[in-house]
N, C-alpha and C. Protein backbone atom coordinates (compact mmCIF):
# COMPACT_ATOMS: atom_id res chain seq x y z
N MET A 1 -24.17 -11.47 148.62
CA MET A 1 -23.29 -11.29 149.80
C MET A 1 -24.02 -12.24 151.34
N THR A 2 -23.78 -12.70 151.95
CA THR A 2 -24.84 -13.35 152.99
C THR A 2 -23.79 -12.86 154.37
N ASP A 3 -24.59 -12.27 155.20
CA ASP A 3 -24.27 -11.73 156.43
C ASP A 3 -24.63 -12.60 157.33
N ALA A 4 -23.21 -13.14 158.23
CA ALA A 4 -23.41 -13.74 159.42
C ALA A 4 -24.56 -13.56 160.38
N PRO A 5 -24.55 -14.51 160.95
CA PRO A 5 -25.70 -14.35 162.16
C PRO A 5 -24.96 -13.41 163.62
N GLN A 6 -25.24 -13.18 164.34
CA GLN A 6 -24.81 -12.87 165.61
C GLN A 6 -23.59 -13.08 165.96
N ASP A 7 -23.93 -14.78 166.57
CA ASP A 7 -23.12 -15.56 166.84
C ASP A 7 -23.07 -16.66 165.91
N PRO A 8 -22.04 -16.34 164.90
CA PRO A 8 -22.09 -18.11 164.26
C PRO A 8 -21.95 -19.30 164.55
N THR A 9 -21.81 -19.73 165.52
CA THR A 9 -21.52 -20.67 166.44
C THR A 9 -22.94 -21.28 166.61
N THR A 10 -24.00 -20.24 166.72
CA THR A 10 -25.40 -20.76 167.10
C THR A 10 -25.96 -21.81 166.00
N ALA A 11 -25.67 -21.64 164.55
CA ALA A 11 -26.02 -22.64 163.85
C ALA A 11 -25.23 -24.04 163.65
N ILE A 12 -24.00 -24.05 164.01
CA ILE A 12 -23.28 -24.99 164.82
C ILE A 12 -24.05 -25.67 165.80
N ARG A 13 -24.09 -25.26 166.57
CA ARG A 13 -24.49 -25.65 167.91
C ARG A 13 -25.78 -25.99 167.78
N THR A 14 -26.98 -25.80 166.99
CA THR A 14 -27.97 -26.27 166.35
C THR A 14 -28.25 -27.54 166.01
N ALA A 15 -27.45 -27.66 164.42
CA ALA A 15 -26.55 -28.96 163.82
C ALA A 15 -26.60 -30.05 165.07
N ILE A 16 -25.13 -29.85 165.75
CA ILE A 16 -24.95 -31.21 166.84
C ILE A 16 -26.09 -31.30 167.32
N GLN A 17 -26.76 -30.47 167.97
CA GLN A 17 -28.03 -30.49 169.06
C GLN A 17 -28.94 -31.41 168.10
N GLN A 18 -29.02 -31.14 166.97
CA GLN A 18 -30.33 -32.11 166.18
C GLN A 18 -29.61 -33.48 166.04
N LEU A 19 -28.30 -33.67 165.68
CA LEU A 19 -27.69 -35.03 165.65
C LEU A 19 -27.78 -35.74 167.09
N ALA A 20 -27.87 -34.81 168.20
CA ALA A 20 -27.61 -35.22 169.92
C ALA A 20 -28.97 -36.03 169.91
N ASP A 21 -29.94 -35.23 169.48
CA ASP A 21 -31.34 -35.55 169.59
C ASP A 21 -32.11 -37.13 168.86
N ILE A 22 -31.23 -37.30 168.27
CA ILE A 22 -31.75 -38.53 167.37
C ILE A 22 -32.07 -39.81 168.00
N THR A 23 -33.27 -40.14 168.49
CA THR A 23 -33.58 -40.94 169.33
C THR A 23 -32.93 -42.64 169.27
N ASP A 24 -32.81 -42.70 168.33
CA ASP A 24 -31.85 -44.46 168.01
C ASP A 24 -30.18 -44.10 168.39
N PRO A 25 -30.25 -44.72 169.41
CA PRO A 25 -28.51 -44.49 170.05
C PRO A 25 -27.23 -44.86 168.93
N THR A 26 -27.79 -45.87 168.12
CA THR A 26 -26.73 -46.13 167.10
C THR A 26 -26.68 -45.28 165.96
N THR A 27 -27.81 -44.85 165.33
CA THR A 27 -27.91 -43.67 164.61
C THR A 27 -27.36 -42.63 164.88
N ARG A 28 -27.50 -42.22 166.10
CA ARG A 28 -27.19 -40.91 166.80
C ARG A 28 -25.51 -41.07 166.57
N ALA A 29 -24.91 -42.57 167.32
CA ALA A 29 -23.31 -42.51 167.34
C ALA A 29 -22.72 -42.36 165.88
N LEU A 30 -23.59 -42.88 165.36
CA LEU A 30 -23.06 -43.19 163.79
C LEU A 30 -23.08 -41.68 163.23
N ALA A 31 -24.07 -40.62 163.05
CA ALA A 31 -23.96 -39.40 162.74
C ALA A 31 -23.21 -38.77 163.59
N LEU A 32 -23.07 -38.77 164.99
CA LEU A 32 -21.93 -38.09 165.76
C LEU A 32 -20.71 -38.74 164.90
N GLY A 33 -20.18 -39.53 165.17
CA GLY A 33 -18.59 -40.34 164.54
C GLY A 33 -18.37 -39.61 162.94
N THR A 34 -19.58 -39.37 162.21
CA THR A 34 -19.32 -39.16 160.58
C THR A 34 -19.21 -37.59 160.93
N LEU A 35 -19.73 -36.73 161.98
CA LEU A 35 -19.19 -35.43 162.24
C LEU A 35 -17.54 -35.38 162.87
N LEU A 36 -17.49 -36.06 163.54
CA LEU A 36 -16.13 -36.05 164.30
C LEU A 36 -14.99 -36.27 163.10
N ASP A 37 -15.26 -37.32 162.14
CA ASP A 37 -14.46 -37.51 161.37
C ASP A 37 -14.29 -36.66 160.33
N ALA A 38 -15.53 -35.71 159.98
CA ALA A 38 -15.37 -34.81 158.96
C ALA A 38 -14.47 -33.59 159.54
N TRP A 39 -14.48 -33.33 161.04
CA TRP A 39 -14.19 -32.19 161.78
C TRP A 39 -12.80 -31.55 161.29
N PRO A 40 -11.78 -32.09 161.21
CA PRO A 40 -10.22 -31.58 161.03
C PRO A 40 -10.48 -31.25 159.43
N ASP A 41 -11.07 -31.87 158.38
CA ASP A 41 -11.60 -30.90 157.35
C ASP A 41 -12.48 -29.58 157.35
N LEU A 42 -13.81 -29.60 158.01
CA LEU A 42 -14.35 -28.69 157.96
C LEU A 42 -13.88 -27.48 158.95
N HIS A 43 -12.86 -27.84 159.91
CA HIS A 43 -11.88 -26.61 160.61
C HIS A 43 -11.11 -26.49 159.45
N SER A 44 -10.48 -27.02 158.39
CA SER A 44 -9.76 -26.30 157.57
C SER A 44 -10.37 -25.34 156.47
N GLU A 45 -11.61 -25.86 156.26
CA GLU A 45 -12.40 -25.24 155.66
C GLU A 45 -12.84 -23.88 156.09
N VAL A 46 -12.86 -23.80 157.32
CA VAL A 46 -13.42 -22.43 158.03
C VAL A 46 -12.29 -21.65 158.19
N ARG A 47 -11.27 -22.08 158.40
CA ARG A 47 -9.83 -21.25 158.54
C ARG A 47 -9.69 -20.82 157.10
N GLN A 48 -9.52 -21.55 156.04
CA GLN A 48 -9.33 -21.18 154.52
C GLN A 48 -10.34 -19.89 154.09
N ALA A 49 -11.68 -20.03 154.29
CA ALA A 49 -12.57 -19.25 154.44
C ALA A 49 -12.27 -17.93 155.25
N ARG A 50 -12.03 -17.81 156.36
CA ARG A 50 -11.22 -16.71 156.77
C ARG A 50 -10.11 -16.15 156.54
N GLN A 51 -9.18 -16.90 156.24
CA GLN A 51 -8.08 -16.17 155.45
C GLN A 51 -8.12 -15.40 154.03
N GLU A 52 -9.20 -16.25 153.39
CA GLU A 52 -9.82 -15.55 152.13
C GLU A 52 -10.64 -14.10 152.56
N ALA A 53 -11.43 -13.92 153.44
CA ALA A 53 -12.06 -12.96 154.00
C ALA A 53 -10.84 -11.91 154.41
N VAL A 54 -9.68 -12.28 155.26
CA VAL A 54 -8.96 -11.28 155.69
C VAL A 54 -7.93 -10.95 154.50
N ALA A 55 -7.88 -11.60 153.24
CA ALA A 55 -6.81 -11.34 152.00
C ALA A 55 -8.06 -10.12 151.27
N GLU A 56 -9.29 -10.34 151.03
CA GLU A 56 -10.06 -9.41 150.86
C GLU A 56 -10.05 -8.00 151.37
N MET A 57 -10.15 -7.90 152.94
CA MET A 57 -9.75 -6.73 153.47
C MET A 57 -8.64 -6.47 153.22
N ARG A 58 -7.34 -7.00 153.06
CA ARG A 58 -6.15 -6.39 152.80
C ARG A 58 -6.15 -5.44 151.22
N GLU A 59 -7.19 -5.83 150.53
CA GLU A 59 -7.11 -4.85 149.25
C GLU A 59 -7.29 -3.80 149.66
N THR A 60 -8.24 -3.35 150.99
CA THR A 60 -8.22 -1.85 151.03
C THR A 60 -7.79 -1.56 152.66
N MET A 61 -7.02 -2.27 153.11
CA MET A 61 -6.85 -1.94 154.84
C MET A 61 -5.28 -2.38 154.55
N THR A 62 -5.03 -1.54 156.05
CA THR A 62 -3.37 -2.30 156.16
C THR A 62 -3.71 -3.16 157.23
N VAL A 63 -2.40 -4.00 157.38
CA VAL A 63 -2.39 -5.14 158.28
C VAL A 63 -2.89 -4.61 159.83
N THR A 64 -2.14 -3.89 160.08
CA THR A 64 -2.93 -3.06 161.52
C THR A 64 -4.21 -2.96 161.48
N ALA A 65 -4.61 -2.37 160.64
CA ALA A 65 -6.25 -2.08 160.42
C ALA A 65 -7.35 -2.99 160.61
N ILE A 66 -6.76 -4.32 159.72
CA ILE A 66 -7.18 -5.81 159.84
C ILE A 66 -7.39 -6.05 161.47
N GLY A 67 -6.16 -6.42 161.84
CA GLY A 67 -5.95 -6.61 163.25
C GLY A 67 -6.99 -5.89 164.00
N GLU A 68 -7.45 -4.61 164.00
CA GLU A 68 -7.85 -3.82 165.07
C GLU A 68 -9.45 -4.30 164.59
N ALA A 69 -9.61 -4.31 163.27
CA ALA A 69 -11.19 -4.62 163.30
C ALA A 69 -11.31 -5.85 163.66
N LEU A 70 -10.55 -6.72 163.78
CA LEU A 70 -10.87 -7.94 164.16
C LEU A 70 -10.57 -8.42 165.88
N GLY A 71 -10.13 -7.23 166.49
CA GLY A 71 -9.85 -7.59 167.90
C GLY A 71 -8.72 -8.33 168.10
N ILE A 72 -7.52 -8.65 167.06
CA ILE A 72 -6.55 -9.19 167.14
C ILE A 72 -5.23 -8.49 166.88
N GLY A 73 -4.00 -8.54 167.43
CA GLY A 73 -2.77 -7.80 166.99
C GLY A 73 -2.34 -7.87 165.51
N GLN A 74 -1.50 -7.28 164.69
CA GLN A 74 -1.23 -7.21 163.76
C GLN A 74 -0.41 -8.24 163.43
N PRO A 75 0.22 -8.93 164.13
CA PRO A 75 1.07 -10.01 164.11
C PRO A 75 0.31 -11.02 163.56
N ARG A 76 -1.09 -11.47 164.47
CA ARG A 76 -1.67 -12.56 164.40
C ARG A 76 -2.36 -12.13 162.63
N ALA A 77 -2.86 -11.13 162.63
CA ALA A 77 -3.55 -10.76 161.52
C ALA A 77 -2.58 -11.02 160.13
N SER A 78 -1.54 -10.92 160.48
CA SER A 78 -0.23 -10.87 159.26
C SER A 78 -0.06 -12.73 159.37
N GLN A 79 -0.13 -13.16 160.19
CA GLN A 79 -0.45 -14.79 160.20
C GLN A 79 -1.54 -15.22 159.67
N ILE A 80 -2.64 -15.25 159.80
CA ILE A 80 -3.54 -15.31 158.95
C ILE A 80 -3.48 -15.32 157.50
N LEU A 81 -3.22 -14.05 157.35
CA LEU A 81 -2.97 -13.54 155.81
C LEU A 81 -2.25 -14.58 155.32
N ARG A 82 -0.94 -15.15 155.81
CA ARG A 82 -0.08 -16.34 155.47
C ARG A 82 -0.48 -17.45 155.45
N GLY A 83 -1.82 -18.02 156.21
CA GLY A 83 -2.00 -19.14 156.46
C GLY A 83 -1.26 -19.89 157.43
N VAL A 84 -0.74 -18.98 158.44
CA VAL A 84 0.03 -19.73 159.95
C VAL A 84 -1.37 -20.00 160.77
N THR A 85 -1.11 -21.06 161.52
CA THR A 85 -1.94 -21.53 162.43
C THR A 85 -1.50 -21.81 163.41
N LYS A 86 -2.43 -21.10 164.79
CA LYS A 86 -2.02 -20.94 166.08
C LYS A 86 -1.82 -22.20 166.62
N ASN A 87 -0.72 -22.20 167.37
CA ASN A 87 -0.43 -23.85 167.90
C ASN A 87 -1.09 -23.60 169.12
N LYS A 88 -1.73 -24.59 169.68
CA LYS A 88 -2.48 -25.01 171.06
C LYS A 88 -1.23 -25.75 171.81
N LYS A 89 -1.00 -25.46 172.90
CA LYS A 89 -0.57 -26.14 174.04
C LYS A 89 -1.27 -26.84 175.12
């Protein structure tokens, strides 16, 4: 089991910065484009991993307790368990 860093976005931001630091603008644009093309799939992978973690929590916790542990409401915890995504407006 691997524990997440304090802020899990730090590793992502570091990787993005490494791409942004590529000296050649063509190489940099291609690398960043590749990342952007993969972004929807990466987002889905992160969502799936979170759903699996919440399902694992559900083995020993109520949905209400999961919501409390994650700082979200019970309805949202239930949605995550079912794989429902939030709609952004």
